[in-house]
């Protein structure tokens, strides 16, 4: 009886750290993948390239991991309503680059815990896309 309990405790003691390590690995590895900013370099028109970058970044911005914390209403929820750009916390474009690319809270989108699908790509990839989008004029698709 005691040996069964020891085995269960040992399994639990190993499973918890392994789960945490898996979450960190997911945060650094691609999930669904994102195109790189360089893959848009063949688009000659800067505004068109910028809008294309934003469309790619949209895979992250419209993902449930982001929409849950940045809803259209007053409190976090999931839904089909668009988010109001005036509700970005007063962030400048440069602050958005920092928020998406390096914020330690945002990294949770790529390591959301058991049973939740992570956002596409990695935080580093999303940060590179938003930075390239800002550098190309921050144009949005029409």
N, C-alpha and C. Protein backbone atom coordinates (compact mmCIF):
# COMPACT_ATOMS: atom_id res chain seq x y z
N UNK A 1 0.82 -1.18 0.00
CA UNK A 1 0.00 0.00 0.00
C UNK A 1 0.87 1.26 0.00
N UNK A 2 1.88 1.27 0.88
CA UNK A 2 2.77 2.43 0.94
C UNK A 2 3.59 2.56 -0.34
N UNK A 3 3.97 1.45 -0.95
CA UNK A 3 4.75 1.53 -2.18
C UNK A 3 3.92 2.09 -3.33
N UNK A 4 2.62 1.78 -3.37
CA UNK A 4 1.74 2.36 -4.39
C UNK A 4 1.65 3.87 -4.22
N UNK A 5 1.54 4.31 -3.00
CA UNK A 5 1.45 5.75 -2.71
C UNK A 5 2.76 6.44 -3.10
N UNK A 6 3.88 5.80 -2.82
CA UNK A 6 5.18 6.38 -3.19
C UNK A 6 5.29 6.53 -4.70
N UNK A 7 4.81 5.52 -5.44
CA UNK A 7 4.86 5.57 -6.89
C UNK A 7 4.00 6.73 -7.39
N UNK A 8 2.80 6.89 -6.84
CA UNK A 8 1.91 7.98 -7.25
C UNK A 8 2.54 9.34 -6.96
N UNK A 9 3.17 9.47 -5.80
CA UNK A 9 3.82 10.73 -5.44
C UNK A 9 5.00 10.99 -6.38
N UNK A 10 5.77 9.95 -6.68
CA UNK A 10 6.91 10.09 -7.59
C UNK A 10 6.44 10.51 -8.98
N UNK A 11 5.37 9.88 -9.48
CA UNK A 11 4.84 10.24 -10.79
C UNK A 11 4.38 11.69 -10.80
N UNK A 12 3.68 12.10 -9.75
CA UNK A 12 3.22 13.49 -9.67
C UNK A 12 4.39 14.46 -9.59
N UNK A 13 5.42 14.07 -8.83
CA UNK A 13 6.59 14.94 -8.67
C UNK A 13 7.35 15.10 -9.98
N UNK A 14 7.32 14.11 -10.84
CA UNK A 14 7.99 14.20 -12.12
C UNK A 14 7.10 14.89 -13.15
N UNK A 15 5.80 14.63 -13.11
CA UNK A 15 4.88 15.17 -14.11
C UNK A 15 4.76 16.69 -14.04
N UNK A 16 4.71 17.25 -12.84
CA UNK A 16 4.56 18.70 -12.71
C UNK A 16 5.71 19.47 -13.34
N UNK A 17 6.98 19.18 -12.99
CA UNK A 17 8.07 19.91 -13.65
C UNK A 17 8.13 19.65 -15.15
N UNK A 18 7.78 18.45 -15.60
CA UNK A 18 7.79 18.15 -17.03
C UNK A 18 6.74 19.00 -17.75
N UNK A 19 5.59 19.18 -17.13
CA UNK A 19 4.56 20.03 -17.71
C UNK A 19 5.03 21.46 -17.85
N UNK A 20 5.73 21.95 -16.83
CA UNK A 20 6.26 23.31 -16.88
C UNK A 20 7.32 23.44 -17.96
N UNK A 21 8.19 22.45 -18.09
CA UNK A 21 9.22 22.48 -19.13
C UNK A 21 8.58 22.44 -20.52
N UNK A 22 7.52 21.66 -20.66
CA UNK A 22 6.82 21.59 -21.94
C UNK A 22 6.23 22.95 -22.29
N UNK A 23 5.68 23.65 -21.30
CA UNK A 23 5.12 24.98 -21.56
C UNK A 23 6.20 25.93 -22.05
N UNK A 24 7.38 25.88 -21.46
CA UNK A 24 8.47 26.75 -21.91
C UNK A 24 8.94 26.36 -23.30
N UNK A 25 8.94 25.07 -23.61
CA UNK A 25 9.34 24.63 -24.95
C UNK A 25 8.34 25.12 -25.98
N UNK A 26 7.06 25.06 -25.65
CA UNK A 26 6.02 25.55 -26.56
C UNK A 26 6.20 27.04 -26.79
N UNK A 27 6.59 27.77 -25.76
CA UNK A 27 6.76 29.21 -25.89
C UNK A 27 7.87 29.56 -26.90
N UNK A 28 8.85 28.68 -27.04
CA UNK A 28 9.96 28.94 -27.95
C UNK A 28 9.81 28.28 -29.30
N UNK A 29 8.93 27.31 -29.41
CA UNK A 29 8.77 26.58 -30.66
C UNK A 29 7.50 26.99 -31.38
N UNK A 30 7.46 26.85 -32.70
CA UNK A 30 6.29 27.26 -33.45
C UNK A 30 5.09 26.37 -33.19
N UNK A 31 3.90 26.93 -33.20
CA UNK A 31 2.69 26.13 -33.11
C UNK A 31 2.15 25.99 -34.53
N UNK A 32 1.35 26.92 -34.99
CA UNK A 32 0.84 26.88 -36.35
C UNK A 32 1.77 27.57 -37.33
N UNK A 33 2.72 28.33 -36.82
CA UNK A 33 3.70 29.01 -37.65
C UNK A 33 3.23 30.36 -38.15
N UNK A 34 4.18 31.23 -38.35
CA UNK A 34 3.95 32.55 -38.91
C UNK A 34 5.00 32.78 -39.99
N UNK A 35 4.62 33.51 -41.00
CA UNK A 35 5.59 33.89 -42.03
C UNK A 35 6.56 34.91 -41.44
N UNK A 36 7.76 34.94 -41.95
CA UNK A 36 8.76 35.91 -41.49
C UNK A 36 8.56 37.24 -42.21
N UNK A 37 9.00 38.33 -41.60
CA UNK A 37 8.91 39.62 -42.29
C UNK A 37 9.64 39.60 -43.64
N UNK A 38 10.72 38.86 -43.72
CA UNK A 38 11.50 38.78 -44.97
C UNK A 38 10.70 38.14 -46.10
N UNK A 39 9.76 37.29 -45.76
CA UNK A 39 8.98 36.62 -46.82
C UNK A 39 8.04 37.59 -47.54
N UNK A 40 7.88 38.80 -47.01
CA UNK A 40 7.05 39.82 -47.65
C UNK A 40 7.88 40.81 -48.48
N UNK A 41 9.19 40.59 -48.53
CA UNK A 41 10.08 41.55 -49.21
C UNK A 41 9.84 41.66 -50.71
N UNK A 42 9.19 40.69 -51.29
CA UNK A 42 8.92 40.75 -52.73
C UNK A 42 7.74 41.67 -53.08
N UNK A 43 7.02 42.12 -52.06
CA UNK A 43 5.91 43.06 -52.30
C UNK A 43 6.52 44.45 -52.40
N UNK A 44 6.55 44.99 -53.60
CA UNK A 44 7.23 46.26 -53.87
C UNK A 44 6.59 47.48 -53.23
N UNK A 45 5.29 47.57 -53.25
CA UNK A 45 4.60 48.72 -52.68
C UNK A 45 4.63 48.63 -51.15
N UNK A 46 5.19 49.65 -50.49
CA UNK A 46 5.38 49.63 -49.05
C UNK A 46 4.06 49.51 -48.29
N UNK A 47 3.04 50.26 -48.71
CA UNK A 47 1.74 50.19 -48.02
C UNK A 47 1.11 48.81 -48.16
N UNK A 48 1.23 48.21 -49.33
CA UNK A 48 0.69 46.87 -49.55
C UNK A 48 1.45 45.85 -48.71
N UNK A 49 2.79 46.00 -48.65
CA UNK A 49 3.61 45.11 -47.82
C UNK A 49 3.23 45.26 -46.35
N UNK A 50 3.04 46.50 -45.90
CA UNK A 50 2.66 46.75 -44.51
C UNK A 50 1.32 46.10 -44.18
N UNK A 51 0.35 46.24 -45.08
CA UNK A 51 -0.96 45.63 -44.86
C UNK A 51 -0.86 44.10 -44.84
N UNK A 52 0.01 43.54 -45.68
CA UNK A 52 0.21 42.09 -45.70
C UNK A 52 0.84 41.61 -44.40
N UNK A 53 1.78 42.38 -43.88
CA UNK A 53 2.40 42.06 -42.58
C UNK A 53 1.34 42.06 -41.48
N UNK A 54 0.46 43.07 -41.51
CA UNK A 54 -0.60 43.16 -40.51
C UNK A 54 -1.55 41.97 -40.61
N UNK A 55 -1.86 41.55 -41.83
CA UNK A 55 -2.73 40.40 -42.03
C UNK A 55 -2.11 39.16 -41.41
N UNK A 56 -0.81 38.97 -41.61
CA UNK A 56 -0.11 37.83 -41.00
C UNK A 56 -0.13 37.94 -39.48
N UNK A 57 0.15 39.13 -38.96
CA UNK A 57 0.10 39.36 -37.51
C UNK A 57 -1.30 39.13 -36.97
N UNK A 58 -2.31 39.36 -37.82
CA UNK A 58 -3.69 39.13 -37.43
C UNK A 58 -3.97 37.71 -36.97
N UNK A 59 -3.18 36.75 -37.45
CA UNK A 59 -3.33 35.36 -36.98
C UNK A 59 -3.13 35.28 -35.47
N UNK A 60 -2.25 36.13 -34.94
CA UNK A 60 -2.01 36.18 -33.50
C UNK A 60 -3.06 37.08 -32.83
N UNK A 61 -3.27 38.26 -33.38
CA UNK A 61 -4.14 39.24 -32.75
C UNK A 61 -5.58 38.77 -32.61
N UNK A 62 -6.04 37.90 -33.52
CA UNK A 62 -7.40 37.41 -33.46
C UNK A 62 -7.51 36.04 -32.81
N UNK A 63 -6.40 35.52 -32.32
CA UNK A 63 -6.40 34.22 -31.66
C UNK A 63 -7.05 34.33 -30.28
N UNK A 64 -7.75 33.30 -29.82
CA UNK A 64 -8.40 33.37 -28.51
C UNK A 64 -7.47 33.78 -27.36
N UNK A 65 -6.19 33.46 -27.44
CA UNK A 65 -5.28 33.85 -26.35
C UNK A 65 -5.18 35.37 -26.24
N UNK A 66 -5.26 36.09 -27.38
CA UNK A 66 -5.20 37.55 -27.35
C UNK A 66 -6.58 38.16 -27.12
N UNK A 67 -7.57 37.64 -27.82
CA UNK A 67 -8.92 38.18 -27.75
C UNK A 67 -9.49 38.07 -26.34
N UNK A 68 -9.09 37.04 -25.61
CA UNK A 68 -9.60 36.87 -24.26
C UNK A 68 -9.19 38.02 -23.35
N UNK A 69 -7.98 38.52 -23.50
CA UNK A 69 -7.51 39.63 -22.66
C UNK A 69 -7.78 41.00 -23.28
N UNK A 70 -8.02 41.04 -24.57
CA UNK A 70 -8.28 42.30 -25.28
C UNK A 70 -9.63 42.22 -25.99
N UNK A 71 -10.73 42.15 -25.21
CA UNK A 71 -12.06 42.02 -25.82
C UNK A 71 -12.60 43.36 -26.30
N UNK A 72 -13.72 43.29 -27.00
CA UNK A 72 -14.38 44.50 -27.47
C UNK A 72 -15.12 45.22 -26.35
N UNK A 73 -15.46 44.51 -25.27
CA UNK A 73 -16.24 45.10 -24.18
C UNK A 73 -15.38 45.52 -23.00
N UNK A 74 -16.03 45.59 -21.85
CA UNK A 74 -15.38 46.06 -20.64
C UNK A 74 -14.60 45.00 -19.88
N UNK A 75 -14.88 43.74 -20.13
CA UNK A 75 -14.20 42.68 -19.39
C UNK A 75 -13.81 41.54 -20.33
N UNK A 76 -12.77 40.81 -19.99
CA UNK A 76 -12.31 39.73 -20.86
C UNK A 76 -13.40 38.69 -21.14
N UNK A 77 -13.53 38.29 -22.39
CA UNK A 77 -14.44 37.26 -22.84
C UNK A 77 -14.06 36.85 -24.26
N UNK A 78 -14.73 35.84 -24.77
CA UNK A 78 -14.49 35.41 -26.14
C UNK A 78 -15.69 35.83 -26.97
N UNK A 79 -15.47 36.23 -28.20
CA UNK A 79 -16.60 36.62 -29.03
C UNK A 79 -16.19 36.99 -30.42
N UNK A 80 -17.15 37.43 -31.20
CA UNK A 80 -16.94 37.78 -32.59
C UNK A 80 -16.83 39.28 -32.82
N UNK A 81 -16.99 40.09 -31.78
CA UNK A 81 -16.93 41.54 -31.95
C UNK A 81 -15.50 41.99 -32.16
N UNK A 82 -15.28 43.00 -33.02
CA UNK A 82 -13.94 43.54 -33.27
C UNK A 82 -13.45 44.35 -32.05
N UNK A 83 -12.22 44.45 -31.87
CA UNK A 83 -11.63 45.25 -30.79
C UNK A 83 -11.43 46.66 -31.26
N UNK A 84 -11.69 47.67 -30.39
CA UNK A 84 -11.61 49.09 -30.68
C UNK A 84 -10.15 49.52 -30.55
N UNK A 85 -9.54 50.03 -31.64
CA UNK A 85 -8.13 50.44 -31.58
C UNK A 85 -7.86 51.51 -30.52
N UNK A 86 -8.87 52.27 -30.16
CA UNK A 86 -8.69 53.30 -29.13
C UNK A 86 -8.52 52.69 -27.74
N UNK A 87 -8.73 51.39 -27.62
CA UNK A 87 -8.64 50.73 -26.32
C UNK A 87 -7.37 49.90 -26.18
N UNK A 88 -6.28 50.40 -26.70
CA UNK A 88 -5.02 49.64 -26.60
C UNK A 88 -4.17 50.10 -25.42
N UNK A 89 -4.79 50.76 -24.47
CA UNK A 89 -4.06 51.20 -23.30
C UNK A 89 -3.26 52.46 -23.57
N UNK A 90 -3.59 53.18 -24.64
CA UNK A 90 -2.86 54.41 -24.97
C UNK A 90 -1.46 54.14 -25.49
N UNK A 91 -1.20 52.94 -25.96
CA UNK A 91 0.14 52.58 -26.42
C UNK A 91 0.47 53.21 -27.77
N UNK A 92 1.70 53.68 -27.89
CA UNK A 92 2.22 54.14 -29.18
C UNK A 92 2.56 52.91 -30.01
N UNK A 93 2.89 53.12 -31.27
CA UNK A 93 3.30 51.99 -32.11
C UNK A 93 4.53 51.29 -31.53
N UNK A 94 5.47 52.08 -31.03
CA UNK A 94 6.67 51.49 -30.43
C UNK A 94 6.33 50.67 -29.19
N UNK A 95 5.37 51.17 -28.40
CA UNK A 95 4.96 50.42 -27.21
C UNK A 95 4.25 49.12 -27.60
N UNK A 96 3.51 49.13 -28.73
CA UNK A 96 2.89 47.90 -29.21
C UNK A 96 3.94 46.87 -29.61
N UNK A 97 5.02 47.34 -30.24
CA UNK A 97 6.11 46.43 -30.61
C UNK A 97 6.66 45.77 -29.35
N UNK A 98 6.88 46.56 -28.31
CA UNK A 98 7.40 46.04 -27.05
C UNK A 98 6.39 45.10 -26.40
N UNK A 99 5.12 45.48 -26.38
CA UNK A 99 4.08 44.67 -25.74
C UNK A 99 3.97 43.30 -26.41
N UNK A 100 3.87 43.29 -27.72
CA UNK A 100 3.70 42.02 -28.43
C UNK A 100 4.99 41.21 -28.45
N UNK A 101 6.12 41.89 -28.63
CA UNK A 101 7.38 41.17 -28.82
C UNK A 101 8.14 40.77 -27.58
N UNK A 102 7.94 41.49 -26.46
CA UNK A 102 8.78 41.18 -25.29
C UNK A 102 8.05 41.13 -23.96
N UNK A 103 6.80 41.54 -23.89
CA UNK A 103 6.07 41.58 -22.62
C UNK A 103 6.00 40.18 -22.01
N UNK A 104 6.38 40.07 -20.74
CA UNK A 104 6.41 38.76 -20.08
C UNK A 104 5.02 38.19 -19.82
N UNK A 105 4.00 39.04 -19.76
CA UNK A 105 2.63 38.54 -19.61
C UNK A 105 2.12 37.99 -20.95
N UNK A 106 2.49 38.64 -22.04
CA UNK A 106 2.03 38.23 -23.37
C UNK A 106 2.58 36.86 -23.76
N UNK A 107 3.75 36.49 -23.25
CA UNK A 107 4.32 35.19 -23.60
C UNK A 107 3.39 34.04 -23.22
N UNK A 108 2.47 34.30 -22.30
CA UNK A 108 1.50 33.29 -21.90
C UNK A 108 0.68 32.80 -23.10
N UNK A 109 0.51 33.65 -24.10
CA UNK A 109 -0.26 33.26 -25.29
C UNK A 109 0.37 32.05 -25.99
N UNK A 110 1.66 31.88 -25.83
CA UNK A 110 2.36 30.76 -26.48
C UNK A 110 2.62 29.61 -25.52
N UNK A 111 2.24 29.75 -24.27
CA UNK A 111 2.35 28.68 -23.28
C UNK A 111 1.15 28.77 -22.35
N UNK A 112 -0.07 28.58 -22.91
CA UNK A 112 -1.28 28.86 -22.15
C UNK A 112 -1.70 27.80 -21.14
N UNK A 113 -1.00 26.71 -21.07
CA UNK A 113 -1.36 25.66 -20.13
C UNK A 113 -2.09 24.52 -20.81
N UNK A 114 -2.25 23.46 -20.05
CA UNK A 114 -2.83 22.22 -20.55
C UNK A 114 -4.23 22.44 -21.12
N UNK A 115 -4.48 21.88 -22.28
CA UNK A 115 -5.79 21.91 -22.90
C UNK A 115 -6.10 23.17 -23.69
N UNK A 116 -5.17 24.11 -23.76
CA UNK A 116 -5.40 25.34 -24.51
C UNK A 116 -4.41 25.41 -25.67
N UNK A 117 -4.92 25.78 -26.84
CA UNK A 117 -4.07 25.88 -28.02
C UNK A 117 -3.28 27.18 -27.99
N UNK A 118 -1.96 27.13 -28.15
CA UNK A 118 -1.16 28.36 -28.15
C UNK A 118 -1.40 29.19 -29.41
N UNK A 119 -1.08 30.45 -29.29
CA UNK A 119 -1.15 31.35 -30.45
C UNK A 119 -0.17 30.87 -31.52
N UNK A 120 -0.39 31.24 -32.78
CA UNK A 120 0.50 30.81 -33.86
C UNK A 120 1.92 31.35 -33.69
N UNK A 121 2.88 30.58 -34.14
CA UNK A 121 4.28 31.02 -34.12
C UNK A 121 4.83 31.13 -32.72
N UNK A 122 5.70 32.11 -32.53
CA UNK A 122 6.30 32.39 -31.22
C UNK A 122 6.17 33.88 -30.94
N UNK A 123 6.42 34.26 -29.70
CA UNK A 123 6.39 35.68 -29.36
C UNK A 123 7.46 36.44 -30.14
N UNK A 124 8.60 35.83 -30.32
CA UNK A 124 9.67 36.47 -31.09
C UNK A 124 9.24 36.71 -32.54
N UNK A 125 8.58 35.73 -33.15
CA UNK A 125 8.11 35.89 -34.53
C UNK A 125 7.04 36.98 -34.62
N UNK A 126 6.11 36.99 -33.67
CA UNK A 126 5.06 38.02 -33.66
C UNK A 126 5.68 39.40 -33.45
N UNK A 127 6.68 39.48 -32.58
CA UNK A 127 7.38 40.75 -32.36
C UNK A 127 8.07 41.24 -33.62
N UNK A 128 8.67 40.33 -34.37
CA UNK A 128 9.34 40.72 -35.63
C UNK A 128 8.32 41.21 -36.65
N UNK A 129 7.15 40.57 -36.70
CA UNK A 129 6.11 41.01 -37.64
C UNK A 129 5.58 42.39 -37.28
N UNK A 130 5.29 42.63 -35.99
CA UNK A 130 4.75 43.93 -35.61
C UNK A 130 5.79 45.02 -35.81
N UNK A 131 7.05 44.71 -35.57
CA UNK A 131 8.12 45.69 -35.79
C UNK A 131 8.24 46.03 -37.28
N UNK A 132 8.19 45.00 -38.14
CA UNK A 132 8.25 45.24 -39.59
C UNK A 132 7.02 46.02 -40.06
N UNK A 133 5.87 45.73 -39.47
CA UNK A 133 4.64 46.44 -39.82
C UNK A 133 4.77 47.93 -39.49
N UNK A 134 5.30 48.24 -38.31
CA UNK A 134 5.49 49.64 -37.91
C UNK A 134 6.49 50.33 -38.83
N UNK A 135 7.59 49.65 -39.14
CA UNK A 135 8.62 50.23 -40.00
C UNK A 135 8.14 50.49 -41.42
N UNK A 136 7.11 49.77 -41.85
CA UNK A 136 6.59 49.96 -43.21
C UNK A 136 5.37 50.88 -43.23
N UNK A 137 5.12 51.58 -42.15
CA UNK A 137 4.05 52.57 -42.14
C UNK A 137 2.80 52.20 -41.38
N UNK A 138 2.76 51.01 -40.78
CA UNK A 138 1.62 50.56 -39.97
C UNK A 138 0.30 50.66 -40.73
N UNK A 139 0.31 50.24 -41.98
CA UNK A 139 -0.92 50.25 -42.79
C UNK A 139 -1.77 49.03 -42.45
N UNK A 140 -3.06 49.24 -42.44
CA UNK A 140 -4.00 48.12 -42.21
C UNK A 140 -4.70 47.79 -43.51
N UNK A 141 -5.09 46.52 -43.67
CA UNK A 141 -5.82 46.13 -44.88
C UNK A 141 -7.12 46.90 -44.99
N UNK A 142 -7.54 47.15 -46.23
CA UNK A 142 -8.80 47.89 -46.44
C UNK A 142 -9.98 46.97 -46.43
